[in-house]
Amino acid sequence: PNYTLTQPTGLKADITTTNAQITLFITATHGNAFLRGIGAPGQTYVIQSDPALSTGSWTDLSGPLVANGTGLITYTDVAPPSPRFYRARVGQ
């Protein structure tokens, strides 16, 4: 699928996804991290985190998240520790 994301500032990003690839967007507000991912419709993903990229100690945060018909998944990390890095993996 192809998508165009537009921010309120007018910034635009064109995104093309293939197979099970996913692109994550993270917004931090009021001490929470809001994650939105655009991937393949119907594909299952799991959000993971790591406190430091150098450790390679990725931990599952979410259960299976199934992308809707437009490929969207959402996840809220309530009051995450700092720093925290995120990624999504194909899940089951």
Protein backbone atom coordinates (compact mmCIF):
# COMPACT_ATOMS: atom_id res chain seq x y z
CA PRO A 1 0.00 0.00 0.00
CA ASN A 2 1.01 3.62 -0.53
CA TYR A 3 0.29 6.41 1.97
CA THR A 4 0.85 10.13 2.30
CA LEU A 5 1.11 11.44 5.86
CA THR A 6 0.60 15.14 6.44
CA GLN A 7 1.50 16.93 9.67
CA PRO A 8 -0.43 20.03 10.82
CA THR A 9 2.70 22.04 9.90
CA GLY A 10 2.27 20.96 6.28
CA LEU A 11 5.19 18.51 6.32
CA LYS A 12 4.37 15.53 4.11
CA ALA A 13 5.85 12.07 3.88
CA ASP A 14 5.08 9.52 1.16
CA ILE A 15 5.32 5.94 2.42
CA THR A 16 5.23 2.71 0.46
CA THR A 17 5.07 -0.60 2.30
CA THR A 18 5.66 -4.06 0.90
CA ASN A 19 5.09 -7.45 2.46
CA ALA A 20 5.20 -7.19 6.26
CA GLN A 21 7.36 -4.05 6.55
CA ILE A 22 6.11 -1.46 9.01
CA THR A 23 6.97 2.17 9.65
CA LEU A 24 6.52 3.45 13.22
CA PHE A 25 5.67 7.00 14.21
CA ILE A 26 6.09 7.98 17.86
CA THR A 27 4.57 10.98 19.63
CA ALA A 28 5.31 11.76 23.29
CA THR A 29 2.57 13.65 25.13
CA HIS A 30 1.84 14.07 28.86
CA GLY A 31 4.45 11.46 29.81
CA ASN A 32 3.10 8.76 27.47
CA ALA A 33 4.43 7.45 24.16
CA PHE A 34 1.85 6.99 21.41
CA LEU A 35 2.98 4.68 18.62
CA ARG A 36 1.31 4.39 15.24
CA GLY A 37 2.52 1.99 12.63
CA ILE A 38 1.69 1.63 8.97
CA GLY A 39 2.27 -1.83 7.61
CA ALA A 40 0.48 -4.53 5.66
CA PRO A 41 -3.30 -4.84 6.13
CA GLY A 42 -4.17 -7.92 8.18
CA GLN A 43 -0.54 -8.51 9.23
CA THR A 44 0.17 -9.11 12.92
CA TYR A 45 2.89 -7.06 14.65
CA VAL A 46 4.35 -6.84 18.18
CA ILE A 47 5.83 -3.64 19.63
CA GLN A 48 9.19 -4.10 21.35
CA SER A 49 11.41 -1.82 23.44
CA ASP A 50 15.02 -1.61 24.55
CA PRO A 51 16.55 0.84 27.04
CA ALA A 52 19.76 1.14 24.98
CA LEU A 53 20.35 0.30 21.36
CA SER A 54 23.76 -1.13 22.20
CA THR A 55 22.36 -3.93 24.40
CA GLY A 56 20.19 -5.73 21.84
CA SER A 57 17.82 -6.67 24.68
CA TRP A 58 14.50 -6.13 22.91
CA THR A 59 11.45 -6.94 25.04
CA ASP A 60 7.87 -7.40 23.84
CA LEU A 61 5.64 -4.57 25.11
CA SER A 62 2.43 -5.40 23.32
CA GLY A 63 0.57 -8.54 22.54
CA PRO A 64 -0.25 -9.28 18.91
CA LEU A 65 -1.57 -6.19 17.09
CA VAL A 66 -3.40 -6.88 13.83
CA ALA A 67 -3.14 -4.10 11.25
CA ASN A 68 -6.54 -2.86 10.10
CA GLY A 69 -7.68 -2.68 6.48
CA THR A 70 -5.45 0.34 5.82
CA GLY A 71 -2.43 -1.25 7.55
CA LEU A 72 -2.66 0.83 10.76
CA ILE A 73 -1.71 -0.36 14.26
CA THR A 74 -1.66 1.74 17.42
CA TYR A 75 -0.11 1.24 20.86
CA THR A 76 0.21 3.50 23.92
CA ASP A 77 3.18 3.08 26.27
CA VAL A 78 1.99 4.65 29.53
CA ALA A 79 4.70 6.51 31.48
CA PRO A 80 7.69 4.77 29.84
CA PRO A 81 11.13 5.02 31.42
CA SER A 82 13.66 7.22 29.70
CA PRO A 83 15.40 6.45 27.48
CA ARG A 84 13.38 3.82 25.62
CA PHE A 85 13.75 2.78 22.00
CA TYR A 86 10.98 1.10 19.99
CA ARG A 87 10.60 -1.23 17.06
CA ALA A 88 7.93 -3.54 15.68
CA ARG A 89 8.41 -7.14 14.66
CA VAL A 90 6.15 -9.43 12.71
CA GLY A 91 4.12 -11.32 15.30
CA GLN A 92 1.73 -14.23 15.61
